[in-house]
């Protein structure tokens, strides 16, 4: 069985109640079942957690799934706090050993001291921004994708631990244009995404 660790980073703050991220967690729980060949652990960053226990979830997992809204072009501060606390607790306890450099030549090999090699992770983000803000010439993000632009640092953070990315999924226009039809379509698209990613992953593992 594949061991899946899902992190709900949908922080409750101001007008944001994390409702859509909670919906995603429900879809995950319906997909990552024992009948489908998965073991599942979850963390909601809105609830109290023990840092050492969270470290062990990363060490236990084959795949980590992060769900995060994007606030002011970054992750919510409670998710950032979670990562700061848990990754620090994981120093030499399973997440990373060092920054990877050696004293005899400290100019090279930065970022190679992770301890989670062989694990993978998948990122989803939720946005008010429409997808066209990333793709059309002259629009706000200057044709930089979510993964290569705003979330580039997030991906390098995971690379620092040794994890490798699975295909991301990004949900756009979910504030100004969060119609029931859009949400229902996204739910179906996300389930299709999961089926495709994890079907391909099984093929890769068997090859």
C-alpha atoms as a PDB file:
ATOM      1  CA  UNK A   1       0.000   0.000   0.000  1.00  0.00           C
ATOM      2  CA  UNK A   2       1.114   3.536  -0.761  1.00  0.00           C
ATOM      3  CA  UNK A   3       1.371   5.749   2.331  1.00  0.00           C
ATOM      4  CA  UNK A   4      -0.142   9.215   1.774  1.00  0.00           C
ATOM      5  CA  UNK A   5       0.215  12.211   4.087  1.00  0.00           C
ATOM      6  CA  UNK A   6      -2.157  15.096   3.294  1.00  0.00           C
ATOM      7  CA  UNK A   7      -1.665  18.589   4.759  1.00  0.00           C
ATOM      8  CA  UNK A   8      -4.586  21.001   4.759  1.00  0.00           C
ATOM      9  CA  UNK A   9      -3.066  24.492   4.690  1.00  0.00           C
ATOM     10  CA  UNK A  10      -6.437  26.258   4.296  1.00  0.00           C
ATOM     11  CA  UNK A  11      -6.059  28.633   7.231  1.00  0.00           C
ATOM     12  CA  UNK A  12      -9.128  30.154   8.852  1.00  0.00           C
ATOM     13  CA  UNK A  13      -8.587  33.926   8.853  1.00  0.00           C
ATOM     14  CA  UNK A  14     -10.659  37.043   8.142  1.00  0.00           C
ATOM     15  CA  UNK A  15     -13.091  36.199   5.324  1.00  0.00           C
ATOM     16  CA  UNK A  16     -11.300  32.924   4.539  1.00  0.00           C
ATOM     17  CA  UNK A  17     -12.876  29.904   6.191  1.00  0.00           C
ATOM     18  CA  UNK A  18     -10.866  27.279   4.300  1.00  0.00           C
ATOM     19  CA  UNK A  19     -14.071  25.742   2.940  1.00  0.00           C
ATOM     20  CA  UNK A  20     -12.713  24.709  -0.454  1.00  0.00           C
ATOM     21  CA  UNK A  21      -9.582  23.154   1.024  1.00  0.00           C
ATOM     22  CA  UNK A  22     -11.832  21.228   3.413  1.00  0.00           C
ATOM     23  CA  UNK A  23     -13.706  19.984   0.337  1.00  0.00           C
ATOM     24  CA  UNK A  24     -10.414  18.803  -1.162  1.00  0.00           C
ATOM     25  CA  UNK A  25      -9.630  16.895   2.013  1.00  0.00           C
ATOM     26  CA  UNK A  26     -12.957  15.103   1.669  1.00  0.00           C
ATOM     27  CA  UNK A  27     -12.106  14.157  -1.913  1.00  0.00           C
ATOM     28  CA  UNK A  28      -8.730  12.858  -0.761  1.00  0.00           C
ATOM     29  CA  UNK A  29     -10.342  10.740   1.934  1.00  0.00           C
ATOM     30  CA  UNK A  30     -12.689   9.258  -0.656  1.00  0.00           C
ATOM     31  CA  UNK A  31      -9.816   8.522  -3.076  1.00  0.00           C
ATOM     32  CA  UNK A  32      -6.956   7.429  -0.792  1.00  0.00           C
ATOM     33  CA  UNK A  33      -8.737   4.426   0.704  1.00  0.00           C
ATOM     34  CA  UNK A  34      -7.479   1.007   1.689  1.00  0.00           C
ATOM     35  CA  UNK A  35      -9.644  -0.429  -1.073  1.00  0.00           C
ATOM     36  CA  UNK A  36      -7.716   1.689  -3.591  1.00  0.00           C
ATOM     37  CA  UNK A  37      -4.393   0.579  -2.135  1.00  0.00           C
ATOM     38  CA  UNK A  38      -3.566   3.515   0.157  1.00  0.00           C
ATOM     39  CA  UNK A  39      -2.917   4.280   3.798  1.00  0.00           C
ATOM     40  CA  UNK A  40      -3.752   7.855   4.755  1.00  0.00           C
ATOM     41  CA  UNK A  41      -2.724  10.302   7.464  1.00  0.00           C
ATOM     42  CA  UNK A  42      -3.865  13.928   7.527  1.00  0.00           C
ATOM     43  CA  UNK A  43      -2.969  17.174   9.275  1.00  0.00           C
ATOM     44  CA  UNK A  44      -5.053  20.349   9.455  1.00  0.00           C
ATOM     45  CA  UNK A  45      -2.812  23.322  10.300  1.00  0.00           C
ATOM     46  CA  UNK A  46      -5.739  24.998  12.084  1.00  0.00           C
ATOM     47  CA  UNK A  47      -5.613  22.341  14.810  1.00  0.00           C
ATOM     48  CA  UNK A  48      -2.941  21.808  17.489  1.00  0.00           C
ATOM     49  CA  UNK A  49      -0.139  19.475  16.480  1.00  0.00           C
ATOM     50  CA  UNK A  50       2.962  17.887  17.974  1.00  0.00           C
ATOM     51  CA  UNK A  51       6.039  18.779  15.866  1.00  0.00           C
ATOM     52  CA  UNK A  52       7.799  15.463  16.479  1.00  0.00           C
ATOM     53  CA  UNK A  53       4.683  13.530  15.471  1.00  0.00           C
ATOM     54  CA  UNK A  54       4.447  15.616  12.307  1.00  0.00           C
ATOM     55  CA  UNK A  55       8.083  14.830  11.492  1.00  0.00           C
ATOM     56  CA  UNK A  56       7.244  11.142  11.734  1.00  0.00           C
ATOM     57  CA  UNK A  57       4.375  11.600   9.273  1.00  0.00           C
ATOM     58  CA  UNK A  58       6.836  12.952   6.688  1.00  0.00           C
ATOM     59  CA  UNK A  59       9.221  10.066   7.394  1.00  0.00           C
ATOM     60  CA  UNK A  60       6.362   7.545   7.190  1.00  0.00           C
ATOM     61  CA  UNK A  61       4.852   8.814   3.941  1.00  0.00           C
ATOM     62  CA  UNK A  62       5.641   7.728   0.415  1.00  0.00           C
ATOM     63  CA  UNK A  63       3.839  10.827  -0.890  1.00  0.00           C
ATOM     64  CA  UNK A  64       2.997  14.152   0.769  1.00  0.00           C
ATOM     65  CA  UNK A  65       0.049  16.140  -0.591  1.00  0.00           C
ATOM     66  CA  UNK A  66      -0.014  19.857   0.225  1.00  0.00           C
ATOM     67  CA  UNK A  67      -3.230  21.865  -0.165  1.00  0.00           C
ATOM     68  CA  UNK A  68      -2.755  25.605   0.205  1.00  0.00           C
ATOM     69  CA  UNK A  69      -4.552  28.773  -0.756  1.00  0.00           C
ATOM     70  CA  UNK A  70      -2.272  31.548  -1.988  1.00  0.00           C
ATOM     71  CA  UNK A  71      -2.407  34.701   0.125  1.00  0.00           C
ATOM     72  CA  UNK A  72      -0.528  37.745  -1.114  1.00  0.00           C
ATOM     73  CA  UNK A  73       1.559  35.548  -3.419  1.00  0.00           C
ATOM     74  CA  UNK A  74       2.671  33.103  -0.754  1.00  0.00           C
ATOM     75  CA  UNK A  75       1.274  30.418   1.545  1.00  0.00           C
ATOM     76  CA  UNK A  76      -0.803  31.378   4.630  1.00  0.00           C
ATOM     77  CA  UNK A  77       1.297  32.261   7.643  1.00  0.00           C
ATOM     78  CA  UNK A  78       0.031  29.311   9.693  1.00  0.00           C
ATOM     79  CA  UNK A  79       1.199  26.897   6.999  1.00  0.00           C
ATOM     80  CA  UNK A  80       4.568  28.674   6.842  1.00  0.00           C
ATOM     81  CA  UNK A  81       4.767  28.437  10.634  1.00  0.00           C
ATOM     82  CA  UNK A  82       3.943  24.731  10.459  1.00  0.00           C
ATOM     83  CA  UNK A  83       6.743  24.131   7.952  1.00  0.00           C
ATOM     84  CA  UNK A  84       9.230  26.232   9.928  1.00  0.00           C
ATOM     85  CA  UNK A  85       8.457  24.368  13.151  1.00  0.00           C
ATOM     86  CA  UNK A  86       8.175  20.845  11.756  1.00  0.00           C
ATOM     87  CA  UNK A  87      11.144  20.990   9.378  1.00  0.00           C
ATOM     88  CA  UNK A  88      13.304  22.436  12.154  1.00  0.00           C
ATOM     89  CA  UNK A  89      12.184  19.605  14.444  1.00  0.00           C
ATOM     90  CA  UNK A  90      13.114  17.214  11.638  1.00  0.00           C
ATOM     91  CA  UNK A  91      16.773  18.272  11.569  1.00  0.00           C
ATOM     92  CA  UNK A  92      18.749  15.008  11.736  1.00  0.00           C
ATOM     93  CA  UNK A  93      15.502  13.219  12.614  1.00  0.00           C
ATOM     94  CA  UNK A  94      14.417  12.294   9.128  1.00  0.00           C
ATOM     95  CA  UNK A  95      13.701  15.473   7.131  1.00  0.00           C
ATOM     96  CA  UNK A  96      17.186  16.886   6.517  1.00  0.00           C
ATOM     97  CA  UNK A  97      20.692  16.268   7.819  1.00  0.00           C
ATOM     98  CA  UNK A  98      22.400  19.486   6.748  1.00  0.00           C
ATOM     99  CA  UNK A  99      22.492  21.890   3.822  1.00  0.00           C
ATOM    100  CA  UNK A 100      24.668  19.327   2.021  1.00  0.00           C
ATOM    101  CA  UNK A 101      27.894  21.302   1.760  1.00  0.00           C
ATOM    102  CA  UNK A 102      31.306  20.168   3.027  1.00  0.00           C
ATOM    103  CA  UNK A 103      33.828  22.364   4.805  1.00  0.00           C
ATOM    104  CA  UNK A 104      36.553  21.619   2.270  1.00  0.00           C
ATOM    105  CA  UNK A 105      34.505  23.166  -0.581  1.00  0.00           C
ATOM    106  CA  UNK A 106      31.485  25.097   0.760  1.00  0.00           C
ATOM    107  CA  UNK A 107      30.744  26.708  -2.620  1.00  0.00           C
ATOM    108  CA  UNK A 108      29.068  23.594  -4.028  1.00  0.00           C
ATOM    109  CA  UNK A 109      26.393  21.003  -3.205  1.00  0.00           C
ATOM    110  CA  UNK A 110      24.070  23.338  -1.319  1.00  0.00           C
ATOM    111  CA  UNK A 111      20.632  21.770  -0.879  1.00  0.00           C
ATOM    112  CA  UNK A 112      21.774  18.148  -1.060  1.00  0.00           C
ATOM    113  CA  UNK A 113      21.458  17.228   2.626  1.00  0.00           C
ATOM    114  CA  UNK A 114      17.838  16.088   2.606  1.00  0.00           C
ATOM    115  CA  UNK A 115      16.789  12.796   4.190  1.00  0.00           C
ATOM    116  CA  UNK A 116      13.500  12.248   2.332  1.00  0.00           C
ATOM    117  CA  UNK A 117      14.958  10.878  -0.891  1.00  0.00           C
ATOM    118  CA  UNK A 118      12.647   8.403  -2.581  1.00  0.00           C
ATOM    119  CA  UNK A 119       9.561  10.293  -1.421  1.00  0.00           C
ATOM    120  CA  UNK A 120       7.385  12.451  -3.642  1.00  0.00           C
ATOM    121  CA  UNK A 121       5.007  15.322  -3.050  1.00  0.00           C
ATOM    122  CA  UNK A 122       2.066  16.922  -4.827  1.00  0.00           C
ATOM    123  CA  UNK A 123       0.975  20.536  -4.530  1.00  0.00           C
ATOM    124  CA  UNK A 124      -2.444  22.092  -5.027  1.00  0.00           C
ATOM    125  CA  UNK A 125      -3.077  25.811  -4.750  1.00  0.00           C
ATOM    126  CA  UNK A 126      -6.257  27.871  -4.752  1.00  0.00           C
ATOM    127  CA  UNK A 127      -6.407  31.378  -6.189  1.00  0.00           C
ATOM    128  CA  UNK A 128      -8.669  34.356  -6.690  1.00  0.00           C
ATOM    129  CA  UNK A 129      -6.581  35.054  -9.816  1.00  0.00           C
ATOM    130  CA  UNK A 130      -7.914  33.554 -13.065  1.00  0.00           C
ATOM    131  CA  UNK A 131      -5.754  31.148 -15.019  1.00  0.00           C
ATOM    132  CA  UNK A 132      -5.426  33.726 -17.798  1.00  0.00           C
ATOM    133  CA  UNK A 133      -3.453  35.985 -15.424  1.00  0.00           C
ATOM    134  CA  UNK A 134      -0.631  33.446 -15.811  1.00  0.00           C
ATOM    135  CA  UNK A 135      -0.961  32.596 -19.491  1.00  0.00           C
ATOM    136  CA  UNK A 136      -1.908  35.677 -21.519  1.00  0.00           C
ATOM    137  CA  UNK A 137       0.710  38.161 -22.767  1.00  0.00           C
ATOM    138  CA  UNK A 138       0.559  41.435 -20.841  1.00  0.00           C
ATOM    139  CA  UNK A 139      -1.333  39.960 -17.885  1.00  0.00           C
ATOM    140  CA  UNK A 140      -0.190  40.177 -14.284  1.00  0.00           C
ATOM    141  CA  UNK A 141       2.149  37.176 -13.929  1.00  0.00           C
ATOM    142  CA  UNK A 142       4.004  37.844 -17.197  1.00  0.00           C
ATOM    143  CA  UNK A 143       3.367  34.329 -18.526  1.00  0.00           C
ATOM    144  CA  UNK A 144       5.091  32.636 -15.589  1.00  0.00           C
ATOM    145  CA  UNK A 145       3.302  29.516 -14.388  1.00  0.00           C
ATOM    146  CA  UNK A 146       2.318  29.006 -10.757  1.00  0.00           C
ATOM    147  CA  UNK A 147       5.048  26.395 -10.292  1.00  0.00           C
ATOM    148  CA  UNK A 148       7.817  28.365 -11.988  1.00  0.00           C
ATOM    149  CA  UNK A 149       6.733  31.709 -10.515  1.00  0.00           C
ATOM    150  CA  UNK A 150       5.003  32.273  -7.182  1.00  0.00           C
ATOM    151  CA  UNK A 151       5.527  28.715  -5.891  1.00  0.00           C
ATOM    152  CA  UNK A 152       9.104  28.273  -7.140  1.00  0.00           C
ATOM    153  CA  UNK A 153      10.509  28.682  -3.627  1.00  0.00           C
ATOM    154  CA  UNK A 154       8.030  26.168  -2.256  1.00  0.00           C
ATOM    155  CA  UNK A 155       9.245  23.578  -4.741  1.00  0.00           C
ATOM    156  CA  UNK A 156      12.904  24.245  -3.908  1.00  0.00           C
ATOM    157  CA  UNK A 157      12.032  23.885  -0.210  1.00  0.00           C
ATOM    158  CA  UNK A 158      10.792  20.364  -0.888  1.00  0.00           C
ATOM    159  CA  UNK A 159      13.811  19.613  -3.059  1.00  0.00           C
ATOM    160  CA  UNK A 160      15.977  20.597  -0.068  1.00  0.00           C
ATOM    161  CA  UNK A 161      14.440  17.677   1.850  1.00  0.00           C
ATOM    162  CA  UNK A 162      15.104  15.280  -1.034  1.00  0.00           C
ATOM    163  CA  UNK A 163      11.495  14.934  -2.192  1.00  0.00           C
ATOM    164  CA  UNK A 164      10.561  15.017  -5.879  1.00  0.00           C
ATOM    165  CA  UNK A 165       7.412  16.652  -7.312  1.00  0.00           C
ATOM    166  CA  UNK A 166       4.392  15.027  -8.837  1.00  0.00           C
ATOM    167  CA  UNK A 167       2.238  17.084 -11.193  1.00  0.00           C
ATOM    168  CA  UNK A 168       0.609  20.017  -9.413  1.00  0.00           C
ATOM    169  CA  UNK A 169      -3.019  21.096  -9.705  1.00  0.00           C
ATOM    170  CA  UNK A 170      -4.081  24.738  -9.398  1.00  0.00           C
ATOM    171  CA  UNK A 171      -7.610  26.027  -8.801  1.00  0.00           C
ATOM    172  CA  UNK A 172      -8.246  29.511 -10.204  1.00  0.00           C
ATOM    173  CA  UNK A 173     -10.872  32.244  -9.859  1.00  0.00           C
ATOM    174  CA  UNK A 174     -12.373  30.820  -6.671  1.00  0.00           C
ATOM    175  CA  UNK A 175     -13.331  34.054  -4.992  1.00  0.00           C
ATOM    176  CA  UNK A 176     -14.757  36.534  -7.460  1.00  0.00           C
ATOM    177  CA  UNK A 177     -16.056  33.756  -9.702  1.00  0.00           C
ATOM    178  CA  UNK A 178     -16.672  30.872  -7.271  1.00  0.00           C
ATOM    179  CA  UNK A 179     -19.877  29.656  -8.871  1.00  0.00           C
ATOM    180  CA  UNK A 180     -21.346  26.266  -7.897  1.00  0.00           C
ATOM    181  CA  UNK A 181     -20.726  25.116 -11.462  1.00  0.00           C
ATOM    182  CA  UNK A 182     -17.042  26.081 -11.314  1.00  0.00           C
ATOM    183  CA  UNK A 183     -16.566  24.346  -7.981  1.00  0.00           C
ATOM    184  CA  UNK A 184     -18.306  21.176  -9.152  1.00  0.00           C
ATOM    185  CA  UNK A 185     -16.224  21.124 -12.337  1.00  0.00           C
ATOM    186  CA  UNK A 186     -13.034  21.561 -10.329  1.00  0.00           C
ATOM    187  CA  UNK A 187     -13.974  18.716  -7.992  1.00  0.00           C
ATOM    188  CA  UNK A 188     -14.376  16.393 -10.959  1.00  0.00           C
ATOM    189  CA  UNK A 189     -11.155  17.627 -12.558  1.00  0.00           C
ATOM    190  CA  UNK A 190      -9.247  17.084  -9.321  1.00  0.00           C
ATOM    191  CA  UNK A 191     -10.457  13.494  -8.994  1.00  0.00           C
ATOM    192  CA  UNK A 192      -9.434  12.900 -12.600  1.00  0.00           C
ATOM    193  CA  UNK A 193      -6.044  14.426 -11.815  1.00  0.00           C
ATOM    194  CA  UNK A 194      -5.578  12.096  -8.829  1.00  0.00           C
ATOM    195  CA  UNK A 195      -6.544   9.065 -10.887  1.00  0.00           C
ATOM    196  CA  UNK A 196      -4.097  10.008 -13.630  1.00  0.00           C
ATOM    197  CA  UNK A 197      -1.175  10.883 -11.370  1.00  0.00           C
ATOM    198  CA  UNK A 198      -1.462   7.840  -9.159  1.00  0.00           C
ATOM    199  CA  UNK A 199      -2.161   5.462 -12.028  1.00  0.00           C
ATOM    200  CA  UNK A 200       1.005   6.667 -13.747  1.00  0.00           C
ATOM    201  CA  UNK A 201       2.868   6.422 -10.444  1.00  0.00           C
ATOM    202  CA  UNK A 202       1.912   2.776 -10.064  1.00  0.00           C
ATOM    203  CA  UNK A 203       3.118   2.078 -13.614  1.00  0.00           C
ATOM    204  CA  UNK A 204       6.414   3.814 -12.859  1.00  0.00           C
ATOM    205  CA  UNK A 205       6.855   1.845  -9.642  1.00  0.00           C
ATOM    206  CA  UNK A 206       6.227  -1.445 -11.385  1.00  0.00           C
ATOM    207  CA  UNK A 207       8.593  -0.719 -14.289  1.00  0.00           C
END
